[in-house]
Amino acid sequence: MRRIFVGAVVRFDAAGSITPMQIVWKDGRAYGIDRILRAQTTPSLLCGAGYLYLVRIQGQERELGYDGRRWYILSPD
């Protein structure tokens, strides 16, 4: 799977949880995340642990990741 790096609008709560709210493509198009279907921690070379979310955006499921520095969408190609 290939990583496509994107911008993200996220919410941090008082407990330190990270909740992605929108993704933003390089050309400025922004898409709201309709629902987070799954959230899990994953190994990251940059910070020890990253995050991987299964999200629904406009009715389509996508894997959205955070490696401790950048947000990305996993592309099957």
Protein backbone atom coordinates (compact mmCIF):
# COMPACT_ATOMS: atom_id res chain seq x y z
CA MET A 1 0.00 0.00 0.00
CA ARG A 2 1.17 3.48 -0.85
CA ARG A 3 0.93 6.47 1.47
CA ILE A 4 -0.58 9.68 0.11
CA PHE A 5 0.23 12.50 2.50
CA VAL A 6 -2.60 14.89 3.32
CA GLY A 7 -3.35 17.72 5.70
CA ALA A 8 -5.74 17.12 8.55
CA VAL A 9 -7.97 19.09 10.87
CA VAL A 10 -7.96 17.30 14.23
CA ARG A 11 -9.40 17.71 17.70
CA PHE A 12 -7.30 17.08 20.80
CA ASP A 13 -9.29 16.52 23.99
CA ALA A 14 -8.23 17.04 27.60
CA ALA A 15 -7.27 13.37 27.93
CA GLY A 16 -4.89 13.66 24.95
CA SER A 17 -7.02 11.74 22.43
CA ILE A 18 -6.63 12.74 18.78
CA THR A 19 -9.80 12.79 16.68
CA PRO A 20 -9.44 13.57 12.94
CA MET A 21 -12.27 15.79 11.69
CA GLN A 22 -11.29 16.58 8.07
CA ILE A 23 -8.65 15.69 5.50
CA VAL A 24 -7.21 18.35 3.23
CA TRP A 25 -5.62 17.53 -0.15
CA LYS A 26 -2.61 19.45 -1.50
CA ASP A 27 -4.88 21.45 -3.82
CA GLY A 28 -6.91 22.70 -0.84
CA ARG A 29 -9.99 20.49 -1.22
CA ALA A 30 -11.26 19.48 2.22
CA TYR A 31 -13.51 16.56 3.09
CA GLY A 32 -15.21 16.03 6.42
CA ILE A 33 -14.90 12.68 8.13
CA ASP A 34 -18.44 11.36 8.54
CA ARG A 35 -17.55 8.63 11.01
CA ILE A 36 -14.57 6.91 12.61
CA LEU A 37 -15.19 3.18 12.30
CA ARG A 38 -12.00 1.97 14.00
CA ALA A 39 -8.99 3.52 15.73
CA GLN A 40 -5.81 1.72 16.72
CA THR A 41 -2.20 2.43 17.56
CA THR A 42 0.47 1.24 15.16
CA PRO A 43 4.28 1.12 15.27
CA SER A 44 6.00 4.26 13.96
CA LEU A 45 9.69 4.73 13.22
CA LEU A 46 9.40 8.43 14.06
CA CYS A 47 7.80 8.42 17.50
CA GLY A 48 7.41 4.80 18.59
CA ALA A 49 3.63 4.67 18.06
CA GLY A 50 1.39 6.10 15.38
CA TYR A 51 -2.33 5.88 14.77
CA LEU A 52 -4.41 4.22 12.10
CA TYR A 53 -8.10 5.04 11.65
CA LEU A 54 -10.70 3.43 9.44
CA VAL A 55 -12.91 6.37 8.48
CA ARG A 56 -15.96 7.01 6.32
CA ILE A 57 -15.71 10.02 4.00
CA GLN A 58 -18.64 10.72 1.69
CA GLY A 59 -19.83 7.12 2.05
CA GLN A 60 -16.44 5.56 1.25
CA GLU A 61 -14.21 3.79 3.75
CA ARG A 62 -10.56 4.87 3.84
CA GLU A 63 -7.60 4.15 6.08
CA LEU A 64 -6.20 7.36 7.55
CA GLY A 65 -2.89 7.21 9.39
CA TYR A 66 -0.72 9.47 11.52
CA ASP A 67 2.97 8.64 11.91
CA GLY A 68 3.70 11.16 14.65
CA ARG A 69 4.54 13.90 12.17
CA ARG A 70 2.33 13.59 9.07
CA TRP A 71 -1.17 12.39 8.13
CA TYR A 72 -1.69 10.04 5.18
CA ILE A 73 -4.32 8.04 3.33
CA LEU A 74 -3.41 4.46 2.41
CA SER A 75 -3.89 3.80 -1.29
CA PRO A 76 -4.17 0.22 -2.56
CA ASP A 77 -2.06 0.88 -5.69
